Amino acid sequence: MHGSALLLNLIVAGTTPTAAVVTMPLKGCSDTTDFPQAVFYYGEISVGTPPQSFRVLLDTGSSSLWLPSSQCRRLPCLAHHRYYAENSRTAKQAAVRADGLQGVSTTFATGELTGSPVHDQFCMGGGRSTGCAEVDLLAAEDESVFPFTRMPFDGILGLSITPSTGTMASQSPLLALMRSSLHVFAVRLGAPRCDDGAAGEVTFASDASELPLDHKAVFWAPLDPDAEEIGYWTVWLVSVSAGGKLLQDCHDGPSEPGCMAAVDTGSPQIMGPEAAIETAMEVLDPGLACSNYSRLPDLVFEIYSGEAGRPVRLPLSSSDFVDRNASSCSLKLQSIQMPPEKPPLWVLGGPLLRKFVSIYDLPSRRVGFSQPPGKEKICSSRGNRKVRLHKQVPVDHQEGSLTVPTVV
């Protein structure tokens, strides 16, 4: 058993009872100067005693809670709410590593954050009665001007699986919430709106059966065996196709290493291997002045379900993967350059997660997908195609929402 798996078992066994279901509304705004096509989903939390309120990006592609520190004097920090540890009665210095190092640095999109860990209490939704846990957050003492200055959120709430080797593996937000009996969560991302209305929500519960879902319509995909080592919510991809054109085949022969897909609420795009994305750009070309928009085929992801080897299809239509305005169209696709010895990696971001509710269940080692209420159910692929999966090797962490803390 991996050390991270043992830690997880201990946490689940020793949880403290809390509210059965906790929901945090999300805002989703695309009105950003630096990322005009991106939609960032963020909610409100409170940290410390007395509570200090912050807007935080909901990010299943990273595993730490980042907030601007009161010690940060750079423009990105001054333009947002800063965290004053010195004003919190429950704040204290986080545990010192064995090597004595405290500083942590991470990348997000094209930017960088550097800060120090602080132990404090945080609560979901900005309230004090539900969804509270003690966490080692990272107080950023330095933030790059781009892209953080104009971002609509103050910090980042990382809810990815905690890497087994990390600076704060046992006190991440995800494991801290699990200690409070909030073991699973579901995310619904809606159409972006920049007013005060909700554009989605994240709901936490002690068990998947308590989530407000049509449970008969949920498709579950098993986590990749190395998910804890990699630190992402990764599932197995079977294939990616568009208009009958196979963009990625992940199971053709015994020499194929297979494909991974990271489910990432913090990514505003679908990302994939360079060659596959280039082909997708050709097949899904919306044409000059969007002339092909109405005739574009679906972009289809087939994901391994673990049920008799039969994959499940998650199709996206042109309205899901095309940004369209009065005069032009662009695809919400971006390539990832991977070393040739690494297996293909796809990132399932906003375009897919706005169409399907995503459910994250670490105790049961699975990720679920479901249609929002009122839409058709997800269906398994036709036929009895068997899927043989192969052992993955860990991938290098990529620039984007997928973030990796490094000691400095």
Foldseek 3Di string as FASTA:
>chain_A
DDPLVVLLVVLLVQAAEFDFKDKWFWAWAQPFPVRNLFIFIWTWKFWAVVTDIWIATEKQQEWAWEFAAPLAPDLLQVLGDHDDLVPGPFKDADDADPVRFFKKKKFAFNKIFIFGWIWTKMAGRHDDRGRIFIATHTHTNDIDVPPRNRDPTRIHQHQWQAAPDDPGNCGTSQSRSVSNLQQKKKWAAADHDDDPDTRIMMMTGNDPVPDPDPVVQKFKFFAAPCRNNQGFRKFFWQFKDWPPRTLDHQFDDPVRQGEIEGEIARFRAKEWAPSSVVVVCVLQVCDFQSVCQVVTTWIWIWTQRVPLQFTWIQTAHSVLFWDDDRGDIDGRYYYDYFDPVFHIYIYRYDSRSNQWMWMGGVVVRIIMTFGPPPDDGTDIDDDNDHGDHHHGDHTDQTHHSNMDMDTD
